[in-house]
C-alpha atoms as a PDB file:
ATOM      1  CA  UNK A   1     -28.069  24.151   4.534  1.00  0.00           C
ATOM      2  CA  UNK A   2     -27.924  24.930   8.209  1.00  0.00           C
ATOM      3  CA  UNK A   3     -31.130  23.171   9.278  1.00  0.00           C
ATOM      4  CA  UNK A   4     -33.485  20.271   8.627  1.00  0.00           C
ATOM      5  CA  UNK A   5     -37.236  20.784   8.211  1.00  0.00           C
ATOM      6  CA  UNK A   6     -39.771  18.371   9.675  1.00  0.00           C
ATOM      7  CA  UNK A   7     -43.363  18.472   8.419  1.00  0.00           C
ATOM      8  CA  UNK A   8     -46.150  18.807  10.967  1.00  0.00           C
ATOM      9  CA  UNK A   9     -48.906  17.737   8.518  1.00  0.00           C
ATOM     10  CA  UNK A  10     -49.416  16.518   4.946  1.00  0.00           C
ATOM     11  CA  UNK A  11     -48.029  18.930   2.353  1.00  0.00           C
ATOM     12  CA  UNK A  12     -47.067  18.808  -1.313  1.00  0.00           C
ATOM     13  CA  UNK A  13     -43.623  20.274  -1.879  1.00  0.00           C
ATOM     14  CA  UNK A  14     -42.247  21.462  -5.203  1.00  0.00           C
ATOM     15  CA  UNK A  15     -39.185  23.150  -6.548  1.00  0.00           C
ATOM     16  CA  UNK A  16     -39.313  26.147  -8.875  1.00  0.00           C
ATOM     17  CA  UNK A  17     -38.678  24.934 -12.438  1.00  0.00           C
ATOM     18  CA  UNK A  18     -37.759  26.983 -15.485  1.00  0.00           C
ATOM     19  CA  UNK A  19     -41.406  27.534 -16.473  1.00  0.00           C
ATOM     20  CA  UNK A  20     -43.500  25.865 -13.784  1.00  0.00           C
ATOM     21  CA  UNK A  21     -43.085  24.159 -10.431  1.00  0.00           C
ATOM     22  CA  UNK A  22     -41.929  20.557 -10.416  1.00  0.00           C
ATOM     23  CA  UNK A  23     -43.654  18.312  -7.821  1.00  0.00           C
ATOM     24  CA  UNK A  24     -41.082  16.683  -5.573  1.00  0.00           C
ATOM     25  CA  UNK A  25     -43.080  14.834  -2.958  1.00  0.00           C
ATOM     26  CA  UNK A  26     -46.070  14.731  -0.714  1.00  0.00           C
ATOM     27  CA  UNK A  27     -44.799  14.980   2.846  1.00  0.00           C
ATOM     28  CA  UNK A  28     -46.663  13.331   5.671  1.00  0.00           C
ATOM     29  CA  UNK A  29     -46.461  14.359   9.306  1.00  0.00           C
ATOM     30  CA  UNK A  30     -42.938  13.588  10.474  1.00  0.00           C
ATOM     31  CA  UNK A  31     -41.375  13.529   6.988  1.00  0.00           C
ATOM     32  CA  UNK A  32     -38.372  15.765   6.530  1.00  0.00           C
ATOM     33  CA  UNK A  33     -36.052  17.413   4.032  1.00  0.00           C
ATOM     34  CA  UNK A  34     -32.726  19.183   4.226  1.00  0.00           C
ATOM     35  CA  UNK A  35     -30.879  16.242   5.740  1.00  0.00           C
ATOM     36  CA  UNK A  36     -28.460  15.777   2.848  1.00  0.00           C
ATOM     37  CA  UNK A  37     -26.953  19.245   3.258  1.00  0.00           C
ATOM     38  CA  UNK A  38     -26.443  18.680   6.976  1.00  0.00           C
ATOM     39  CA  UNK A  39     -25.180  15.125   6.807  1.00  0.00           C
ATOM     40  CA  UNK A  40     -22.537  15.683   4.143  1.00  0.00           C
ATOM     41  CA  UNK A  41     -21.902  19.406   4.804  1.00  0.00           C
ATOM     42  CA  UNK A  42     -22.875  20.715   1.372  1.00  0.00           C
ATOM     43  CA  UNK A  43     -25.196  23.505   0.250  1.00  0.00           C
ATOM     44  CA  UNK A  44     -28.885  22.591  -0.041  1.00  0.00           C
ATOM     45  CA  UNK A  45     -29.586  20.600  -3.205  1.00  0.00           C
ATOM     46  CA  UNK A  46     -32.919  22.283  -3.940  1.00  0.00           C
ATOM     47  CA  UNK A  47     -35.345  24.952  -2.796  1.00  0.00           C
ATOM     48  CA  UNK A  48     -38.903  23.866  -2.014  1.00  0.00           C
ATOM     49  CA  UNK A  49     -42.269  25.549  -1.860  1.00  0.00           C
ATOM     50  CA  UNK A  50     -45.609  24.221  -0.650  1.00  0.00           C
ATOM     51  CA  UNK A  51     -49.046  24.444  -2.216  1.00  0.00           C
ATOM     52  CA  UNK A  52     -50.659  25.741   0.992  1.00  0.00           C
ATOM     53  CA  UNK A  53     -49.744  27.494   4.210  1.00  0.00           C
ATOM     54  CA  UNK A  54     -47.486  25.066   6.020  1.00  0.00           C
ATOM     55  CA  UNK A  55     -45.895  24.567   9.398  1.00  0.00           C
ATOM     56  CA  UNK A  56     -42.502  22.934   9.766  1.00  0.00           C
ATOM     57  CA  UNK A  57     -40.315  22.300  12.785  1.00  0.00           C
ATOM     58  CA  UNK A  58     -36.813  23.557  12.073  1.00  0.00           C
ATOM     59  CA  UNK A  59     -33.880  21.794  13.721  1.00  0.00           C
ATOM     60  CA  UNK A  60     -30.535  23.597  13.566  1.00  0.00           C
ATOM     61  CA  UNK A  61     -27.298  21.988  12.438  1.00  0.00           C
ATOM     62  CA  UNK A  62     -25.753  21.723  15.938  1.00  0.00           C
ATOM     63  CA  UNK A  63     -28.896  20.235  17.490  1.00  0.00           C
ATOM     64  CA  UNK A  64     -29.314  17.867  14.565  1.00  0.00           C
ATOM     65  CA  UNK A  65     -25.791  16.469  14.920  1.00  0.00           C
ATOM     66  CA  UNK A  66     -26.194  16.112  18.671  1.00  0.00           C
ATOM     67  CA  UNK A  67     -29.447  14.214  18.088  1.00  0.00           C
ATOM     68  CA  UNK A  68     -27.795  11.850  15.629  1.00  0.00           C
ATOM     69  CA  UNK A  69     -24.900  11.261  18.015  1.00  0.00           C
ATOM     70  CA  UNK A  70     -27.189  10.093  20.832  1.00  0.00           C
ATOM     71  CA  UNK A  71     -29.581   8.177  18.515  1.00  0.00           C
ATOM     72  CA  UNK A  72     -27.356   6.024  16.260  1.00  0.00           C
ATOM     73  CA  UNK A  73     -30.343   4.052  14.984  1.00  0.00           C
ATOM     74  CA  UNK A  74     -31.937   7.259  13.664  1.00  0.00           C
ATOM     75  CA  UNK A  75     -28.570   8.275  12.188  1.00  0.00           C
ATOM     76  CA  UNK A  76     -28.362   4.950  10.337  1.00  0.00           C
ATOM     77  CA  UNK A  77     -31.965   5.251   9.047  1.00  0.00           C
ATOM     78  CA  UNK A  78     -31.448   8.831   7.854  1.00  0.00           C
ATOM     79  CA  UNK A  79     -28.301   7.766   6.000  1.00  0.00           C
ATOM     80  CA  UNK A  80     -30.332   5.035   4.271  1.00  0.00           C
ATOM     81  CA  UNK A  81     -33.092   7.506   3.305  1.00  0.00           C
ATOM     82  CA  UNK A  82     -30.498   9.942   1.987  1.00  0.00           C
ATOM     83  CA  UNK A  83     -28.848   7.178  -0.048  1.00  0.00           C
ATOM     84  CA  UNK A  84     -32.220   6.034  -1.445  1.00  0.00           C
ATOM     85  CA  UNK A  85     -33.110   9.597  -2.446  1.00  0.00           C
ATOM     86  CA  UNK A  86     -29.797  10.164  -4.159  1.00  0.00           C
ATOM     87  CA  UNK A  87     -29.950   6.863  -6.046  1.00  0.00           C
ATOM     88  CA  UNK A  88     -33.546   7.565  -7.117  1.00  0.00           C
ATOM     89  CA  UNK A  89     -32.552  10.985  -8.417  1.00  0.00           C
ATOM     90  CA  UNK A  90     -29.488   9.701 -10.266  1.00  0.00           C
ATOM     91  CA  UNK A  91     -31.420   6.774 -11.732  1.00  0.00           C
ATOM     92  CA  UNK A  92     -34.093   9.101 -13.079  1.00  0.00           C
ATOM     93  CA  UNK A  93     -31.534  11.087 -15.057  1.00  0.00           C
ATOM     94  CA  UNK A  94     -30.984  10.102 -18.663  1.00  0.00           C
ATOM     95  CA  UNK A  95     -27.316   9.213 -18.137  1.00  0.00           C
ATOM     96  CA  UNK A  96     -26.332   5.632 -19.055  1.00  0.00           C
ATOM     97  CA  UNK A  97     -23.758   5.341 -16.256  1.00  0.00           C
ATOM     98  CA  UNK A  98     -26.412   5.932 -13.593  1.00  0.00           C
ATOM     99  CA  UNK A  99     -28.978   3.531 -15.096  1.00  0.00           C
ATOM    100  CA  UNK A 100     -27.065   0.528 -13.663  1.00  0.00           C
ATOM    101  CA  UNK A 101     -26.878   1.754 -10.056  1.00  0.00           C
ATOM    102  CA  UNK A 102     -28.347  -0.837  -7.746  1.00  0.00           C
ATOM    103  CA  UNK A 103     -31.017   0.353  -5.344  1.00  0.00           C
ATOM    104  CA  UNK A 104     -29.740  -2.130  -2.761  1.00  0.00           C
END
Protein backbone atom coordinates (compact mmCIF):
# COMPACT_ATOMS: atom_id res chain seq x y z
CA UNK A 1 0.00 0.00 0.00
CA UNK A 2 2.16 2.84 -1.21
CA UNK A 3 -0.56 4.96 -2.82
CA UNK A 4 -4.20 6.02 -2.69
CA UNK A 5 -6.44 5.83 -5.76
CA UNK A 6 -9.00 8.55 -6.55
CA UNK A 7 -11.76 7.80 -9.04
CA UNK A 8 -12.27 10.20 -11.95
CA UNK A 9 -15.75 8.85 -12.82
CA UNK A 10 -18.37 6.35 -11.65
CA UNK A 11 -17.04 2.80 -11.47
CA UNK A 12 -18.06 -0.46 -9.83
CA UNK A 13 -15.16 -2.03 -7.97
CA UNK A 14 -14.93 -5.65 -6.90
CA UNK A 15 -12.47 -7.98 -5.29
CA UNK A 16 -11.63 -11.41 -6.69
CA UNK A 17 -13.50 -14.03 -4.64
CA UNK A 18 -12.92 -17.77 -4.49
CA UNK A 19 -15.32 -18.48 -7.38
CA UNK A 20 -16.58 -15.10 -8.56
CA UNK A 21 -15.96 -11.41 -7.98
CA UNK A 22 -17.52 -9.83 -4.92
CA UNK A 23 -18.96 -6.33 -5.46
CA UNK A 24 -17.39 -3.88 -3.02
CA UNK A 25 -18.74 -0.49 -4.00
CA UNK A 26 -19.78 1.87 -6.72
CA UNK A 27 -17.28 4.72 -6.73
CA UNK A 28 -18.33 8.17 -7.79
CA UNK A 29 -16.01 10.85 -9.10
CA UNK A 30 -13.74 11.84 -6.22
CA UNK A 31 -14.25 8.64 -4.19
CA UNK A 32 -11.09 6.86 -3.16
CA UNK A 33 -9.63 3.63 -1.85
CA UNK A 34 -6.28 2.58 -0.44
CA UNK A 35 -6.33 5.10 2.41
CA UNK A 36 -6.30 2.51 5.20
CA UNK A 37 -2.95 1.06 4.14
CA UNK A 38 -1.40 4.52 4.00
CA UNK A 39 -2.93 5.92 7.17
CA UNK A 40 -2.02 3.01 9.44
CA UNK A 41 1.04 1.77 7.53
CA UNK A 42 -0.20 -1.73 6.77
CA UNK A 43 -0.38 -3.77 3.56
CA UNK A 44 -3.45 -3.18 1.38
CA UNK A 45 -6.51 -4.94 2.78
CA UNK A 46 -7.89 -5.99 -0.61
CA UNK A 47 -7.26 -5.98 -4.33
CA UNK A 48 -9.90 -4.39 -6.54
CA UNK A 49 -10.93 -4.66 -10.16
CA UNK A 50 -13.39 -2.60 -12.18
CA UNK A 51 -16.12 -3.68 -14.56
CA UNK A 52 -14.97 -1.30 -17.31
CA UNK A 53 -11.88 0.59 -18.42
CA UNK A 54 -11.21 3.07 -15.64
CA UNK A 55 -9.08 6.07 -14.90
CA UNK A 56 -7.80 6.78 -11.42
CA UNK A 57 -5.52 9.47 -10.07
CA UNK A 58 -2.77 7.88 -8.00
CA UNK A 59 -1.31 9.80 -5.07
CA UNK A 60 1.92 8.44 -3.59
CA UNK A 61 2.50 7.86 0.11
CA UNK A 62 4.79 10.86 0.63
CA UNK A 63 2.50 13.28 -1.21
CA UNK A 64 -0.55 11.88 0.58
CA UNK A 65 0.98 12.44 4.02
CA UNK A 66 2.10 15.95 3.07
CA UNK A 67 -1.46 16.70 1.90
CA UNK A 68 -2.95 15.46 5.17
CA UNK A 69 -0.46 17.50 7.17
CA UNK A 70 -1.46 20.77 5.50
CA UNK A 71 -5.20 19.91 5.38
CA UNK A 72 -6.12 18.70 8.89
CA UNK A 73 -9.84 18.85 8.12
CA UNK A 74 -9.36 16.37 5.27
CA UNK A 75 -7.19 14.22 7.54
CA UNK A 76 -9.98 14.13 10.14
CA UNK A 77 -12.64 13.27 7.53
CA UNK A 78 -10.53 10.49 6.01
CA UNK A 79 -9.98 9.01 9.47
CA UNK A 80 -13.76 9.01 9.99
CA UNK A 81 -14.35 7.31 6.61
CA UNK A 82 -11.69 4.72 7.40
CA UNK A 83 -13.27 4.05 10.81
CA UNK A 84 -16.75 3.74 9.27
CA UNK A 85 -15.49 1.30 6.63
CA UNK A 86 -13.73 -0.85 9.21
CA UNK A 87 -16.76 -0.92 11.52
CA UNK A 88 -19.05 -1.78 8.62
CA UNK A 89 -16.78 -4.64 7.58
CA UNK A 90 -16.43 -6.00 11.11
CA UNK A 91 -20.17 -5.69 11.77
CA UNK A 92 -20.95 -7.68 8.63
CA UNK A 93 -18.88 -10.63 9.82
CA UNK A 94 -20.70 -13.38 11.66
CA UNK A 95 -18.70 -12.91 14.86
CA UNK A 96 -20.75 -12.14 18.00
CA UNK A 97 -18.09 -9.85 19.49
CA UNK A 98 -18.27 -7.49 16.51
CA UNK A 99 -22.10 -7.39 16.38
CA UNK A 100 -22.19 -4.95 19.30
CA UNK A 101 -19.75 -2.39 17.90
CA UNK A 102 -21.37 1.03 17.82
CA UNK A 103 -21.28 2.87 14.51
CA UNK A 104 -20.95 6.15 16.42
